[in-house]
Structures are given as structure tokens and as C-alpha cells.
Protein backbone atom coordinates (compact mmCIF):
# COMPACT_ATOMS: atom_id res chain seq x y z
CA MET A 1 -2.40 15.66 -8.80
CA ALA A 2 0.51 17.96 -8.12
CA LEU A 3 1.76 18.23 -4.51
CA ALA A 4 0.79 21.93 -4.41
CA SER A 5 -2.69 21.16 -5.60
CA ALA A 6 -3.06 18.39 -3.04
CA LEU A 7 -1.90 20.72 -0.22
CA ALA A 8 -4.33 23.40 -1.33
CA MET A 9 -7.40 21.08 -0.98
CA LYS A 10 -9.95 22.41 1.44
CA PRO A 11 -11.22 20.13 4.27
CA GLY A 12 -14.67 20.15 2.60
CA ALA A 13 -13.23 18.81 -0.67
CA LEU A 14 -13.50 15.28 0.66
CA THR A 15 -17.07 13.98 1.01
CA ASP A 16 -18.03 11.99 4.12
CA ASP A 17 -18.23 8.75 2.04
CA LYS A 18 -14.77 9.41 0.55
CA ALA A 19 -13.29 10.24 3.97
CA ILE A 20 -14.52 6.81 5.28
CA GLU A 21 -13.14 5.08 2.17
CA LEU A 22 -9.68 6.83 2.69
CA ALA A 23 -9.75 6.06 6.43
CA GLU A 24 -10.44 2.33 5.70
CA MET A 25 -7.36 2.30 3.34
CA PHE A 26 -5.25 3.68 6.02
CA ARG A 27 -6.62 1.27 8.57
CA LEU A 28 -5.78 -1.61 6.19
CA LEU A 29 -2.24 -0.38 5.78
CA GLY A 30 -2.00 -0.08 9.64
CA ASP A 31 -1.60 -3.87 9.86
CA PRO A 32 2.17 -4.69 9.57
CA SER A 33 1.56 -7.85 7.61
CA ARG A 34 -0.75 -6.12 5.04
CA LEU A 35 1.76 -3.24 4.78
CA ARG A 36 4.56 -5.59 4.08
CA ILE A 37 2.51 -7.42 1.44
CA VAL A 38 1.76 -3.96 -0.26
CA ILE A 39 5.45 -3.03 -0.03
CA GLU A 40 6.25 -6.47 -1.72
CA THR A 41 4.05 -5.53 -4.63
CA LEU A 42 5.94 -2.35 -5.33
CA ALA A 43 8.71 -4.25 -7.23
CA GLY A 44 6.28 -5.80 -9.62
CA PRO A 45 3.61 -8.51 -9.84
CA ARG A 46 4.10 -11.27 -7.13
CA ALA A 47 2.32 -14.56 -6.65
CA VAL A 48 0.96 -15.50 -3.22
CA GLY A 49 3.48 -18.28 -2.67
CA HIS A 50 6.41 -15.92 -3.38
CA MET A 51 5.09 -13.29 -1.10
CA ALA A 52 4.37 -15.84 1.65
CA GLU A 53 7.92 -17.15 1.50
CA ALA A 54 9.52 -13.78 1.28
CA LEU A 55 7.53 -12.52 4.35
CA GLY A 56 7.49 -15.62 6.36
CA LEU A 57 3.76 -15.92 6.40
CA SER A 58 1.40 -18.69 5.44
CA PRO A 59 -0.06 -18.65 1.97
CA SER A 60 -3.56 -18.63 3.38
CA LEU A 61 -2.86 -15.55 5.60
CA VAL A 62 -1.27 -13.80 2.58
CA SER A 63 -4.38 -14.68 0.43
CA HIS A 64 -6.74 -13.35 3.19
CA HIS A 65 -4.89 -10.11 3.38
CA LEU A 66 -4.78 -9.80 -0.34
CA ARG A 67 -8.50 -10.16 -0.59
CA LEU A 68 -8.96 -7.15 1.74
CA LEU A 69 -6.32 -5.12 -0.04
CA ARG A 70 -7.85 -5.90 -3.42
CA ALA A 71 -11.30 -4.87 -2.28
CA ALA A 72 -9.89 -1.52 -1.08
CA ARG A 73 -8.19 -1.01 -4.54
CA LEU A 74 -4.74 -1.02 -2.91
CA VAL A 75 -3.59 -4.04 -5.05
CA SER A 76 -4.84 -5.56 -8.33
CA SER A 77 -4.61 -9.06 -9.46
CA GLU A 78 -3.98 -10.72 -12.83
CA ARG A 79 -4.31 -14.44 -13.69
CA ARG A 80 -1.31 -16.05 -15.54
CA GLY A 81 -2.29 -19.64 -16.17
CA LYS A 82 -3.16 -21.18 -12.84
CA GLN A 83 -1.45 -18.57 -10.70
CA ILE A 84 -2.73 -15.16 -9.68
CA PHE A 85 -0.21 -12.33 -9.53
CA TYR A 86 -0.86 -9.21 -7.41
CA ARG A 87 0.71 -5.79 -7.96
CA ILE A 88 0.25 -2.38 -6.62
CA HIS A 89 -3.05 -0.91 -7.86
CA ASP A 90 -1.81 2.30 -9.38
CA GLU A 91 0.83 5.02 -9.20
CA HIS A 92 -0.92 6.96 -6.42
CA VAL A 93 -0.81 4.09 -4.03
CA ALA A 94 2.78 3.28 -5.03
CA ARG A 95 3.90 6.88 -4.40
CA VAL A 96 2.22 7.09 -1.00
CA VAL A 97 3.69 3.74 0.18
CA ALA A 98 7.11 4.35 -1.24
CA ASP A 99 7.34 7.78 0.22
CA MET A 100 6.36 6.63 3.58
CA VAL A 101 8.96 3.80 3.44
CA ALA A 102 11.68 6.41 2.46
CA HIS A 103 10.33 8.58 5.36
CA VAL A 104 10.79 5.92 8.05
CA ASN A 105 14.13 4.91 6.59
CA GLU A 106 15.70 8.33 6.76
CA ASP A 107 18.62 8.57 9.02
CA SER A 108 17.57 10.09 12.40
CA HIS A 109 20.51 12.42 12.08
CA ASP A 110 19.13 13.86 8.76
CA ARG A 111 15.89 14.49 10.51
CA GLU A 112 17.53 16.30 13.46
CA SER A 113 19.56 18.51 11.23
CA GLU A 114 16.47 19.78 9.43
CA HIS A 115 14.97 21.28 12.47
């Protein structure tokens, strides 16, 4: 969906059920550990052990978070032999997360000069 189309959506275009589903996705991303796990998957498929090590979290905690993220369709999994690799679910999720990462990483001077 083009940005102009998304911005032109009317409030009633989202059913109550879909609004609840979307709010749940944002709630899940509101946890810093889960958000960091999702960001880790932006670079490509990652195994639980790799993510745990990179993020300084226990593998069991990463697995727990991944179960929730997978249920919400924020990440997907694929088995390769005995390991399961997780990746961002689709381009929509990737764009939202990547854009927000870019947004928070903007230099505060750049933001002030825009106003």
C-alpha cells in the first residue's frame, strides 16, 4: 500500500477485531527485548542461540519471546536440520520497524532544523 493510500484511510476502515490485532502487535513491540529480537531478524534469518548471544539474553527467554512474536505474525520460522531460524515475517513489518529505528536514530539537530 502506498503511503498516500495509507494516510487516506478513514478511521472506520479498520474493524474492531483488526484494531485489537494491530494494538497487540504494537504492545508486543513495546517490550525492549522483543523489539531488539525483531530488529535482529531484519538482517536475515537468525537462530535462537545467535540472537541470545548477540543480545545478551538467555536462549530460553529469546525462545519465549519468539513464540509470542511468531503468533502475532511479526516473525516467521524455518527449520534447517535441527535448528530453527527466525526472520522478519514480511516487508510490511520490516519497513515499519526499520523506519522507526531510523526515526529514533536521527540526529536531534536534524529534527530541530525541520521545525
